[in-house]
N, C-alpha and C. Protein backbone atom coordinates (compact mmCIF):
# COMPACT_ATOMS: atom_id res chain seq x y z
N UNK A 1 75.84 103.62 119.38
CA UNK A 1 75.92 104.40 120.59
C UNK A 1 77.23 105.17 120.66
N UNK A 2 78.35 104.48 120.49
CA UNK A 2 79.64 105.15 120.51
C UNK A 2 80.25 105.05 119.12
N UNK A 3 80.88 106.13 118.69
CA UNK A 3 81.53 106.13 117.38
C UNK A 3 82.81 105.32 117.40
N UNK A 4 83.12 104.72 116.29
CA UNK A 4 84.34 103.94 116.18
C UNK A 4 85.53 104.88 116.04
N UNK A 5 86.52 104.69 116.85
CA UNK A 5 87.70 105.54 116.83
C UNK A 5 88.74 104.95 115.89
N UNK A 6 89.23 105.77 114.98
CA UNK A 6 90.25 105.30 114.05
C UNK A 6 91.63 105.59 114.61
N UNK A 7 92.45 104.57 114.63
CA UNK A 7 93.84 104.73 115.05
C UNK A 7 94.70 104.81 113.80
N UNK A 8 95.53 105.82 113.72
CA UNK A 8 96.41 105.97 112.57
C UNK A 8 97.83 105.62 112.98
N UNK A 9 98.51 104.97 112.08
CA UNK A 9 99.90 104.60 112.30
C UNK A 9 100.73 105.25 111.20
N UNK A 10 101.80 105.87 111.58
CA UNK A 10 102.67 106.52 110.59
C UNK A 10 104.04 105.83 110.65
N UNK A 11 104.48 105.34 109.51
CA UNK A 11 105.78 104.67 109.42
C UNK A 11 106.75 105.53 108.63
N UNK A 12 107.96 105.58 109.08
CA UNK A 12 109.00 106.25 108.30
C UNK A 12 109.87 105.16 107.70
N UNK A 13 109.85 105.09 106.38
CA UNK A 13 110.57 104.04 105.66
C UNK A 13 111.67 104.64 104.80
N UNK A 14 112.74 103.88 104.64
CA UNK A 14 113.76 104.29 103.68
C UNK A 14 113.23 104.04 102.27
N UNK A 15 113.91 104.56 101.30
CA UNK A 15 113.49 104.36 99.90
C UNK A 15 113.46 102.87 99.55
N UNK A 16 114.47 102.13 100.00
CA UNK A 16 114.52 100.69 99.72
C UNK A 16 113.37 99.95 100.38
N UNK A 17 113.06 100.27 101.63
CA UNK A 17 111.96 99.62 102.35
C UNK A 17 110.62 99.93 101.68
N UNK A 18 110.46 101.17 101.26
CA UNK A 18 109.22 101.58 100.60
C UNK A 18 109.04 100.84 99.26
N UNK A 19 110.12 100.74 98.51
CA UNK A 19 110.08 100.04 97.23
C UNK A 19 109.76 98.56 97.42
N UNK A 20 110.36 97.94 98.43
CA UNK A 20 110.14 96.53 98.72
C UNK A 20 108.69 96.29 99.16
N UNK A 21 108.18 97.14 100.05
CA UNK A 21 106.80 97.02 100.50
C UNK A 21 105.82 97.22 99.35
N UNK A 22 106.12 98.17 98.46
CA UNK A 22 105.28 98.41 97.29
C UNK A 22 105.21 97.16 96.41
N UNK A 23 106.35 96.53 96.16
CA UNK A 23 106.39 95.31 95.35
C UNK A 23 105.59 94.18 95.99
N UNK A 24 105.70 94.04 97.31
CA UNK A 24 104.95 93.00 98.01
C UNK A 24 103.46 93.25 97.91
N UNK A 25 103.04 94.51 98.07
CA UNK A 25 101.62 94.84 98.01
C UNK A 25 101.04 94.60 96.61
N UNK A 26 101.81 94.91 95.58
CA UNK A 26 101.36 94.66 94.21
C UNK A 26 101.25 93.15 93.98
N UNK A 27 102.22 92.37 94.47
CA UNK A 27 102.16 90.91 94.35
C UNK A 27 100.91 90.38 95.06
N UNK A 28 100.67 90.86 96.29
CA UNK A 28 99.52 90.41 97.07
C UNK A 28 98.20 90.79 96.38
N UNK A 29 98.15 92.01 95.81
CA UNK A 29 96.95 92.44 95.09
C UNK A 29 96.67 91.52 93.90
N UNK A 30 97.71 91.18 93.16
CA UNK A 30 97.53 90.29 92.02
C UNK A 30 97.07 88.90 92.46
N UNK A 31 97.57 88.42 93.58
CA UNK A 31 97.15 87.12 94.10
C UNK A 31 95.67 87.14 94.49
N UNK A 32 95.25 88.18 95.21
CA UNK A 32 93.85 88.31 95.62
C UNK A 32 92.96 88.46 94.39
N UNK A 33 93.40 89.24 93.42
CA UNK A 33 92.63 89.45 92.19
C UNK A 33 92.47 88.14 91.42
N UNK A 34 93.52 87.32 91.35
CA UNK A 34 93.43 86.06 90.63
C UNK A 34 92.48 85.07 91.31
N UNK A 35 92.31 85.24 92.63
CA UNK A 35 91.38 84.39 93.37
C UNK A 35 89.96 84.96 93.40
N UNK A 36 89.77 86.10 92.75
CA UNK A 36 88.44 86.70 92.66
C UNK A 36 88.04 87.53 93.87
N UNK A 37 88.99 87.89 94.69
CA UNK A 37 88.69 88.67 95.89
C UNK A 37 88.67 90.16 95.63
N UNK A 38 88.14 90.93 96.59
CA UNK A 38 88.12 92.39 96.44
C UNK A 38 89.50 92.99 96.71
N UNK A 39 89.85 94.02 95.96
CA UNK A 39 91.17 94.62 96.09
C UNK A 39 91.12 96.10 96.47
N UNK A 40 89.96 96.62 96.83
CA UNK A 40 89.83 98.05 97.09
C UNK A 40 90.75 98.52 98.22
N UNK A 41 90.78 97.79 99.32
CA UNK A 41 91.61 98.19 100.46
C UNK A 41 93.09 98.09 100.12
N UNK A 42 93.46 97.07 99.39
CA UNK A 42 94.87 96.90 98.98
C UNK A 42 95.25 98.03 98.04
N UNK A 43 94.35 98.40 97.13
CA UNK A 43 94.62 99.51 96.22
C UNK A 43 94.87 100.80 97.00
N UNK A 44 94.10 101.00 98.07
CA UNK A 44 94.28 102.20 98.90
C UNK A 44 95.65 102.26 99.53
N UNK A 45 96.14 101.12 100.00
CA UNK A 45 97.49 101.08 100.60
C UNK A 45 98.54 101.33 99.54
N UNK A 46 98.36 100.74 98.36
CA UNK A 46 99.33 100.95 97.27
C UNK A 46 99.37 102.41 96.87
N UNK A 47 98.22 103.06 96.79
CA UNK A 47 98.18 104.48 96.45
C UNK A 47 98.89 105.33 97.49
N UNK A 48 98.73 104.99 98.76
CA UNK A 48 99.41 105.74 99.82
C UNK A 48 100.93 105.53 99.74
N UNK A 49 101.36 104.34 99.36
CA UNK A 49 102.79 104.09 99.23
C UNK A 49 103.39 104.81 98.03
N UNK A 50 102.58 105.04 97.01
CA UNK A 50 103.06 105.67 95.78
C UNK A 50 103.26 107.18 95.93
N UNK A 51 102.76 107.74 97.00
CA UNK A 51 102.91 109.20 97.20
C UNK A 51 104.32 109.60 97.50
């Protein structure tokens, strides 16, 4: 009946914060992958951080 509204959040990070967040996301992706879970959404976040 009603469409789902997407809320977007924009963060401004320093280079160090971005690098740290990138490392954490890669670690988390590897953990999920080793447990056999899906990583598509995590990959999307990592790609956005790599821009």
